[in-house]
ModelCIF file with pLDDT and N, C-alpha, C, O atoms, coordinates in Angstrom:
data_MODEL
#
_entry.id   MODEL 
#
_entity.id                         1 
_entity.type                       polymer 
_entity.pdbx_number_of_molecules   1 
#
_entity_poly.entity_id                      1 
_entity_poly.type                           'polypeptide(L)' 
_entity_poly.nstd_linkage                   no 
_entity_poly.nstd_monomer                   no 
_entity_poly.pdbx_seq_one_letter_code       
;(UNK)(UNK)(UNK)(UNK)(UNK)(UNK)(UNK)(UNK)(UNK)(UNK)(UNK)(UNK)(UNK)(UNK)(UNK)(UNK)
(UNK)(UNK)(UNK)(UNK)(UNK)(UNK)(UNK)(UNK)(UNK)(UNK)(UNK)(UNK)(UNK)(UNK)(UNK)(UNK)
(UNK)(UNK)
;
_entity_poly.pdbx_seq_one_letter_code_can   XXXXXXXXXXXXXXXXXXXXXXXXXXXXXXXXXX 
_entity_poly.pdbx_strand_id                 A 
#
loop_
_entity_poly_seq.entity_id 
_entity_poly_seq.num 
_entity_poly_seq.mon_id 
_entity_poly_seq.hetero 
1 1  UNK n 
1 2  UNK n 
1 3  UNK n 
1 4  UNK n 
1 5  UNK n 
1 6  UNK n 
1 7  UNK n 
1 8  UNK n 
1 9  UNK n 
1 10 UNK n 
1 11 UNK n 
1 12 UNK n 
1 13 UNK n 
1 14 UNK n 
1 15 UNK n 
1 16 UNK n 
1 17 UNK n 
1 18 UNK n 
1 19 UNK n 
1 20 UNK n 
1 21 UNK n 
1 22 UNK n 
1 23 UNK n 
1 24 UNK n 
1 25 UNK n 
1 26 UNK n 
1 27 UNK n 
1 28 UNK n 
1 29 UNK n 
1 30 UNK n 
1 31 UNK n 
1 32 UNK n 
1 33 UNK n 
1 34 UNK n 
#
_struct_asym.id          A 
_struct_asym.entity_id   1 
#
loop_
_ma_qa_metric.id 
_ma_qa_metric.mode 
_ma_qa_metric.name 
_ma_qa_metric.software_group_id 
_ma_qa_metric.type 
1 global pLDDT . pLDDT 
2 local  pLDDT . pLDDT 
#
_ma_qa_metric_global.metric_id      1 
_ma_qa_metric_global.metric_value   79.35 
_ma_qa_metric_global.model_id       1 
_ma_qa_metric_global.ordinal_id     1 
#
loop_
_ma_qa_metric_local.label_asym_id 
_ma_qa_metric_local.label_comp_id 
_ma_qa_metric_local.label_seq_id 
_ma_qa_metric_local.metric_id 
_ma_qa_metric_local.metric_value 
_ma_qa_metric_local.model_id 
_ma_qa_metric_local.ordinal_id 
A UNK 1  2 73.00 1 1  
A UNK 2  2 72.00 1 2  
A UNK 3  2 71.00 1 3  
A UNK 4  2 77.00 1 4  
A UNK 5  2 79.00 1 5  
A UNK 6  2 81.00 1 6  
A UNK 7  2 83.00 1 7  
A UNK 8  2 81.00 1 8  
A UNK 9  2 84.00 1 9  
A UNK 10 2 85.00 1 10 
A UNK 11 2 83.00 1 11 
A UNK 12 2 81.00 1 12 
A UNK 13 2 83.00 1 13 
A UNK 14 2 83.00 1 14 
A UNK 15 2 80.00 1 15 
A UNK 16 2 81.00 1 16 
A UNK 17 2 86.00 1 17 
A UNK 18 2 84.00 1 18 
A UNK 19 2 81.00 1 19 
A UNK 20 2 82.00 1 20 
A UNK 21 2 77.00 1 21 
A UNK 22 2 75.00 1 22 
A UNK 23 2 76.00 1 23 
A UNK 24 2 77.00 1 24 
A UNK 25 2 77.00 1 25 
A UNK 26 2 76.00 1 26 
A UNK 27 2 77.00 1 27 
A UNK 28 2 82.00 1 28 
A UNK 29 2 79.00 1 29 
A UNK 30 2 83.00 1 30 
A UNK 31 2 80.00 1 31 
A UNK 32 2 77.00 1 32 
A UNK 33 2 78.00 1 33 
A UNK 34 2 74.00 1 34 
#
loop_
_atom_site.group_PDB 
_atom_site.id 
_atom_site.type_symbol 
_atom_site.label_atom_id 
_atom_site.label_alt_id 
_atom_site.label_comp_id 
_atom_site.label_asym_id 
_atom_site.label_entity_id 
_atom_site.label_seq_id 
_atom_site.pdbx_PDB_ins_code 
_atom_site.Cartn_x 
_atom_site.Cartn_y 
_atom_site.Cartn_z 
_atom_site.occupancy 
_atom_site.B_iso_or_equiv 
_atom_site.pdbx_formal_charge 
_atom_site.auth_seq_id 
_atom_site.auth_comp_id 
_atom_site.auth_asym_id 
_atom_site.auth_atom_id 
_atom_site.pdbx_PDB_model_num 
ATOM 1   N N  . UNK A 1 1  ? 2.377   -16.894 1.307   1.00 73.00 ? 1  UNK A N  1 
ATOM 2   C CA . UNK A 1 1  ? 3.683   -16.303 1.025   1.00 73.00 ? 1  UNK A CA 1 
ATOM 3   C C  . UNK A 1 1  ? 4.440   -15.967 2.299   1.00 73.00 ? 1  UNK A C  1 
ATOM 4   O O  . UNK A 1 1  ? 5.671   -15.948 2.310   1.00 73.00 ? 1  UNK A O  1 
ATOM 5   N N  . UNK A 1 2  ? 3.700   -15.702 3.378   1.00 72.00 ? 2  UNK A N  1 
ATOM 6   C CA . UNK A 1 2  ? 4.358   -15.255 4.600   1.00 72.00 ? 2  UNK A CA 1 
ATOM 7   C C  . UNK A 1 2  ? 3.381   -15.360 5.758   1.00 72.00 ? 2  UNK A C  1 
ATOM 8   O O  . UNK A 1 2  ? 2.167   -15.269 5.573   1.00 72.00 ? 2  UNK A O  1 
ATOM 9   N N  . UNK A 1 3  ? 3.923   -15.552 6.957   1.00 71.00 ? 3  UNK A N  1 
ATOM 10  C CA . UNK A 1 3  ? 3.079   -15.522 8.150   1.00 71.00 ? 3  UNK A CA 1 
ATOM 11  C C  . UNK A 1 3  ? 2.788   -14.085 8.569   1.00 71.00 ? 3  UNK A C  1 
ATOM 12  O O  . UNK A 1 3  ? 1.969   -13.847 9.456   1.00 71.00 ? 3  UNK A O  1 
ATOM 13  N N  . UNK A 1 4  ? 3.456   -13.131 7.934   1.00 77.00 ? 4  UNK A N  1 
ATOM 14  C CA . UNK A 1 4  ? 3.254   -11.718 8.228   1.00 77.00 ? 4  UNK A CA 1 
ATOM 15  C C  . UNK A 1 4  ? 3.072   -10.967 6.908   1.00 77.00 ? 4  UNK A C  1 
ATOM 16  O O  . UNK A 1 4  ? 3.973   -10.253 6.468   1.00 77.00 ? 4  UNK A O  1 
ATOM 17  N N  . UNK A 1 5  ? 1.904   -11.131 6.277   1.00 79.00 ? 5  UNK A N  1 
ATOM 18  C CA . UNK A 1 5  ? 1.698   -10.565 4.946   1.00 79.00 ? 5  UNK A CA 1 
ATOM 19  C C  . UNK A 1 5  ? 1.688   -9.040  4.957   1.00 79.00 ? 5  UNK A C  1 
ATOM 20  O O  . UNK A 1 5  ? 1.338   -8.428  5.967   1.00 79.00 ? 5  UNK A O  1 
ATOM 21  N N  . UNK A 1 6  ? 2.071   -8.421  3.835   1.00 81.00 ? 6  UNK A N  1 
ATOM 22  C CA . UNK A 1 6  ? 2.093   -6.950  3.775   1.00 81.00 ? 6  UNK A CA 1 
ATOM 23  C C  . UNK A 1 6  ? 0.684   -6.374  3.821   1.00 81.00 ? 6  UNK A C  1 
ATOM 24  O O  . UNK A 1 6  ? -0.276  -7.015  3.393   1.00 81.00 ? 6  UNK A O  1 
ATOM 25  N N  . UNK A 1 7  ? 0.574   -5.183  4.335   1.00 83.00 ? 7  UNK A N  1 
ATOM 26  C CA . UNK A 1 7  ? -0.705  -4.484  4.378   1.00 83.00 ? 7  UNK A CA 1 
ATOM 27  C C  . UNK A 1 7  ? -0.956  -3.801  3.036   1.00 83.00 ? 7  UNK A C  1 
ATOM 28  O O  . UNK A 1 7  ? -0.068  -3.731  2.186   1.00 83.00 ? 7  UNK A O  1 
ATOM 29  N N  . UNK A 1 8  ? -2.172  -3.302  2.861   1.00 81.00 ? 8  UNK A N  1 
ATOM 30  C CA . UNK A 1 8  ? -2.502  -2.601  1.619   1.00 81.00 ? 8  UNK A CA 1 
ATOM 31  C C  . UNK A 1 8  ? -1.612  -1.375  1.394   1.00 81.00 ? 8  UNK A C  1 
ATOM 32  O O  . UNK A 1 8  ? -1.153  -1.175  0.269   1.00 81.00 ? 8  UNK A O  1 
ATOM 33  N N  . UNK A 1 9  ? -1.346  -0.542  2.413   1.00 84.00 ? 9  UNK A N  1 
ATOM 34  C CA . UNK A 1 9  ? -0.420  0.576   2.192   1.00 84.00 ? 9  UNK A CA 1 
ATOM 35  C C  . UNK A 1 9  ? 0.978   0.100   1.796   1.00 84.00 ? 9  UNK A C  1 
ATOM 36  O O  . UNK A 1 9  ? 1.638   0.741   0.978   1.00 84.00 ? 9  UNK A O  1 
ATOM 37  N N  . UNK A 1 10 ? 1.436   -1.019  2.367   1.00 85.00 ? 10 UNK A N  1 
ATOM 38  C CA . UNK A 1 10 ? 2.741   -1.554  1.973   1.00 85.00 ? 10 UNK A CA 1 
ATOM 39  C C  . UNK A 1 10 ? 2.728   -2.028  0.516   1.00 85.00 ? 10 UNK A C  1 
ATOM 40  O O  . UNK A 1 10 ? 3.699   -1.830  -0.215  1.00 85.00 ? 10 UNK A O  1 
ATOM 41  N N  . UNK A 1 11 ? 1.623   -2.656  0.101   1.00 83.00 ? 11 UNK A N  1 
ATOM 42  C CA . UNK A 1 11 ? 1.492   -3.080  -1.299  1.00 83.00 ? 11 UNK A CA 1 
ATOM 43  C C  . UNK A 1 11 ? 1.510   -1.857  -2.215  1.00 83.00 ? 11 UNK A C  1 
ATOM 44  O O  . UNK A 1 11 ? 2.117   -1.887  -3.286  1.00 83.00 ? 11 UNK A O  1 
ATOM 45  N N  . UNK A 1 12 ? 0.841   -0.781  -1.792  1.00 81.00 ? 12 UNK A N  1 
ATOM 46  C CA . UNK A 1 12 ? 0.839   0.455   -2.590  1.00 81.00 ? 12 UNK A CA 1 
ATOM 47  C C  . UNK A 1 12 ? 2.251   0.996   -2.755  1.00 81.00 ? 12 UNK A C  1 
ATOM 48  O O  . UNK A 1 12 ? 2.627   1.449   -3.836  1.00 81.00 ? 12 UNK A O  1 
ATOM 49  N N  . UNK A 1 13 ? 3.036   0.946   -1.673  1.00 83.00 ? 13 UNK A N  1 
ATOM 50  C CA . UNK A 1 13 ? 4.417   1.442   -1.758  1.00 83.00 ? 13 UNK A CA 1 
ATOM 51  C C  . UNK A 1 13 ? 5.273   0.532   -2.661  1.00 83.00 ? 13 UNK A C  1 
ATOM 52  O O  . UNK A 1 13 ? 6.135   1.019   -3.392  1.00 83.00 ? 13 UNK A O  1 
ATOM 53  N N  . UNK A 1 14 ? 5.033   -0.779  -2.607  1.00 83.00 ? 14 UNK A N  1 
ATOM 54  C CA . UNK A 1 14 ? 5.754   -1.710  -3.483  1.00 83.00 ? 14 UNK A CA 1 
ATOM 55  C C  . UNK A 1 14 ? 5.446   -1.416  -4.950  1.00 83.00 ? 14 UNK A C  1 
ATOM 56  O O  . UNK A 1 14 ? 6.342   -1.428  -5.794  1.00 83.00 ? 14 UNK A O  1 
ATOM 57  N N  . UNK A 1 15 ? 4.172   -1.152  -5.246  1.00 80.00 ? 15 UNK A N  1 
ATOM 58  C CA . UNK A 1 15 ? 3.781   -0.836  -6.617  1.00 80.00 ? 15 UNK A CA 1 
ATOM 59  C C  . UNK A 1 15 ? 4.361   0.501   -7.056  1.00 80.00 ? 15 UNK A C  1 
ATOM 60  O O  . UNK A 1 15 ? 4.742   0.670   -8.214  1.00 80.00 ? 15 UNK A O  1 
ATOM 61  N N  . UNK A 1 16 ? 4.425   1.447   -6.131  1.00 81.00 ? 16 UNK A N  1 
ATOM 62  C CA . UNK A 1 16 ? 4.990   2.756   -6.444  1.00 81.00 ? 16 UNK A CA 1 
ATOM 63  C C  . UNK A 1 16 ? 6.473   2.636   -6.808  1.00 81.00 ? 16 UNK A C  1 
ATOM 64  O O  . UNK A 1 16 ? 6.958   3.313   -7.714  1.00 81.00 ? 16 UNK A O  1 
ATOM 65  N N  . UNK A 1 17 ? 7.180   1.762   -6.087  1.00 86.00 ? 17 UNK A N  1 
ATOM 66  C CA . UNK A 1 17 ? 8.600   1.558   -6.375  1.00 86.00 ? 17 UNK A CA 1 
ATOM 67  C C  . UNK A 1 17 ? 8.800   0.829   -7.694  1.00 86.00 ? 17 UNK A C  1 
ATOM 68  O O  . UNK A 1 17 ? 9.746   1.111   -8.429  1.00 86.00 ? 17 UNK A O  1 
ATOM 69  N N  . UNK A 1 18 ? 7.886   -0.128  -7.999  1.00 84.00 ? 18 UNK A N  1 
ATOM 70  C CA . UNK A 1 18 ? 8.010   -0.906  -9.235  1.00 84.00 ? 18 UNK A CA 1 
ATOM 71  C C  . UNK A 1 18 ? 7.598   -0.097  -10.456 1.00 84.00 ? 18 UNK A C  1 
ATOM 72  O O  . UNK A 1 18 ? 8.123   -0.305  -11.550 1.00 84.00 ? 18 UNK A O  1 
ATOM 73  N N  . UNK A 1 19 ? 6.650   0.833   -10.266 1.00 81.00 ? 19 UNK A N  1 
ATOM 74  C CA . UNK A 1 19 ? 6.149   1.655   -11.376 1.00 81.00 ? 19 UNK A CA 1 
ATOM 75  C C  . UNK A 1 19 ? 6.239   3.125   -10.975 1.00 81.00 ? 19 UNK A C  1 
ATOM 76  O O  . UNK A 1 19 ? 5.241   3.722   -10.573 1.00 81.00 ? 19 UNK A O  1 
ATOM 77  N N  . UNK A 1 20 ? 7.436   3.711   -11.084 1.00 82.00 ? 20 UNK A N  1 
ATOM 78  C CA . UNK A 1 20 ? 7.657   5.083   -10.593 1.00 82.00 ? 20 UNK A CA 1 
ATOM 79  C C  . UNK A 1 20 ? 6.728   6.111   -11.216 1.00 82.00 ? 20 UNK A C  1 
ATOM 80  O O  . UNK A 1 20 ? 6.399   7.114   -10.583 1.00 82.00 ? 20 UNK A O  1 
ATOM 81  N N  . UNK A 1 21 ? 6.303   5.872   -12.448 1.00 77.00 ? 21 UNK A N  1 
ATOM 82  C CA . UNK A 1 21 ? 5.459   6.852   -13.116 1.00 77.00 ? 21 UNK A CA 1 
ATOM 83  C C  . UNK A 1 21 ? 3.992   6.745   -12.754 1.00 77.00 ? 21 UNK A C  1 
ATOM 84  O O  . UNK A 1 21 ? 3.209   7.629   -13.101 1.00 77.00 ? 21 UNK A O  1 
ATOM 85  N N  . UNK A 1 22 ? 3.603   5.689   -12.067 1.00 75.00 ? 22 UNK A N  1 
ATOM 86  C CA . UNK A 1 22 ? 2.198   5.469   -11.742 1.00 75.00 ? 22 UNK A CA 1 
ATOM 87  C C  . UNK A 1 22 ? 1.822   6.177   -10.446 1.00 75.00 ? 22 UNK A C  1 
ATOM 88  O O  . UNK A 1 22 ? 2.651   6.360   -9.555  1.00 75.00 ? 22 UNK A O  1 
ATOM 89  N N  . UNK A 1 23 ? 0.564   6.566   -10.363 1.00 76.00 ? 23 UNK A N  1 
ATOM 90  C CA . UNK A 1 23 ? 0.063   7.204   -9.151  1.00 76.00 ? 23 UNK A CA 1 
ATOM 91  C C  . UNK A 1 23 ? -0.625  6.158   -8.287  1.00 76.00 ? 23 UNK A C  1 
ATOM 92  O O  . UNK A 1 23 ? -1.618  5.563   -8.705  1.00 76.00 ? 23 UNK A O  1 
ATOM 93  N N  . UNK A 1 24 ? -0.114  5.933   -7.104  1.00 77.00 ? 24 UNK A N  1 
ATOM 94  C CA . UNK A 1 24 ? -0.752  5.002   -6.176  1.00 77.00 ? 24 UNK A CA 1 
ATOM 95  C C  . UNK A 1 24 ? -1.383  5.804   -5.039  1.00 77.00 ? 24 UNK A C  1 
ATOM 96  O O  . UNK A 1 24 ? -0.942  6.920   -4.764  1.00 77.00 ? 24 UNK A O  1 
ATOM 97  N N  . UNK A 1 25 ? -2.403  5.264   -4.375  1.00 77.00 ? 25 UNK A N  1 
ATOM 98  C CA . UNK A 1 25 ? -3.045  6.002   -3.278  1.00 77.00 ? 25 UNK A CA 1 
ATOM 99  C C  . UNK A 1 25 ? -2.032  6.392   -2.205  1.00 77.00 ? 25 UNK A C  1 
ATOM 100 O O  . UNK A 1 25 ? -1.371  5.521   -1.641  1.00 77.00 ? 25 UNK A O  1 
ATOM 101 N N  . UNK A 1 26 ? -1.900  7.671   -1.919  1.00 76.00 ? 26 UNK A N  1 
ATOM 102 C CA . UNK A 1 26 ? -0.869  8.116   -0.970  1.00 76.00 ? 26 UNK A CA 1 
ATOM 103 C C  . UNK A 1 26 ? -1.304  8.067   0.493   1.00 76.00 ? 26 UNK A C  1 
ATOM 104 O O  . UNK A 1 26 ? -0.474  8.201   1.391   1.00 76.00 ? 26 UNK A O  1 
ATOM 105 N N  . UNK A 1 27 ? -2.612  7.873   0.739   1.00 77.00 ? 27 UNK A N  1 
ATOM 106 C CA . UNK A 1 27 ? -3.123  7.998   2.104   1.00 77.00 ? 27 UNK A CA 1 
ATOM 107 C C  . UNK A 1 27 ? -3.623  6.659   2.644   1.00 77.00 ? 27 UNK A C  1 
ATOM 108 O O  . UNK A 1 27 ? -4.018  5.777   1.882   1.00 77.00 ? 27 UNK A O  1 
ATOM 109 N N  . UNK A 1 28 ? -3.600  6.525   3.958   1.00 82.00 ? 28 UNK A N  1 
ATOM 110 C CA . UNK A 1 28 ? -4.175  5.368   4.640   1.00 82.00 ? 28 UNK A CA 1 
ATOM 111 C C  . UNK A 1 28 ? -5.396  5.825   5.421   1.00 82.00 ? 28 UNK A C  1 
ATOM 112 O O  . UNK A 1 28 ? -5.304  6.740   6.240   1.00 82.00 ? 28 UNK A O  1 
ATOM 113 N N  . UNK A 1 29 ? -6.531  5.199   5.176   1.00 79.00 ? 29 UNK A N  1 
ATOM 114 C CA . UNK A 1 29 ? -7.769  5.604   5.847   1.00 79.00 ? 29 UNK A CA 1 
ATOM 115 C C  . UNK A 1 29 ? -7.674  5.322   7.337   1.00 79.00 ? 29 UNK A C  1 
ATOM 116 O O  . UNK A 1 29 ? -7.147  4.281   7.732   1.00 79.00 ? 29 UNK A O  1 
ATOM 117 N N  . UNK A 1 30 ? -8.172  6.223   8.170   1.00 83.00 ? 30 UNK A N  1 
ATOM 118 C CA . UNK A 1 30 ? -8.167  5.974   9.619   1.00 83.00 ? 30 UNK A CA 1 
ATOM 119 C C  . UNK A 1 30 ? -9.059  4.779   9.955   1.00 83.00 ? 30 UNK A C  1 
ATOM 120 O O  . UNK A 1 30 ? -10.060 4.519   9.287   1.00 83.00 ? 30 UNK A O  1 
ATOM 121 N N  . UNK A 1 31 ? -8.671  4.072   10.996  1.00 80.00 ? 31 UNK A N  1 
ATOM 122 C CA . UNK A 1 31 ? -9.379  2.829   11.349  1.00 80.00 ? 31 UNK A CA 1 
ATOM 123 C C  . UNK A 1 31 ? -10.856 3.071   11.652  1.00 80.00 ? 31 UNK A C  1 
ATOM 124 O O  . UNK A 1 31 ? -11.704 2.255   11.291  1.00 80.00 ? 31 UNK A O  1 
ATOM 125 N N  . UNK A 1 32 ? -11.171 4.188   12.315  1.00 77.00 ? 32 UNK A N  1 
ATOM 126 C CA . UNK A 1 32 ? -12.560 4.449   12.681  1.00 77.00 ? 32 UNK A CA 1 
ATOM 127 C C  . UNK A 1 32 ? -13.447 4.569   11.449  1.00 77.00 ? 32 UNK A C  1 
ATOM 128 O O  . UNK A 1 32 ? -14.601 4.143   11.470  1.00 77.00 ? 32 UNK A O  1 
ATOM 129 N N  . UNK A 1 33 ? -12.905 5.156   10.357  1.00 78.00 ? 33 UNK A N  1 
ATOM 130 C CA . UNK A 1 33 ? -13.720 5.322   9.153   1.00 78.00 ? 33 UNK A CA 1 
ATOM 131 C C  . UNK A 1 33 ? -13.971 3.982   8.463   1.00 78.00 ? 33 UNK A C  1 
ATOM 132 O O  . UNK A 1 33 ? -15.044 3.755   7.904   1.00 78.00 ? 33 UNK A O  1 
ATOM 133 N N  . UNK A 1 34 ? -12.965 3.091   8.506   1.00 74.00 ? 34 UNK A N  1 
ATOM 134 C CA . UNK A 1 34 ? -13.130 1.769   7.925   1.00 74.00 ? 34 UNK A CA 1 
ATOM 135 C C  . UNK A 1 34 ? -14.164 0.965   8.707   1.00 74.00 ? 34 UNK A C  1 
ATOM 136 O O  . UNK A 1 34 ? -14.441 -0.185  8.364   1.00 74.00 ? 34 UNK A O  1 
#
């Protein structure tokens, strides 16, 4: 779809905008924990 695909937090924000009533994960895990 793109040479610069969206990240998981960006996908979460897209879903939040598309489904205002739904709860999407609000936080991004720190890199060290991943």
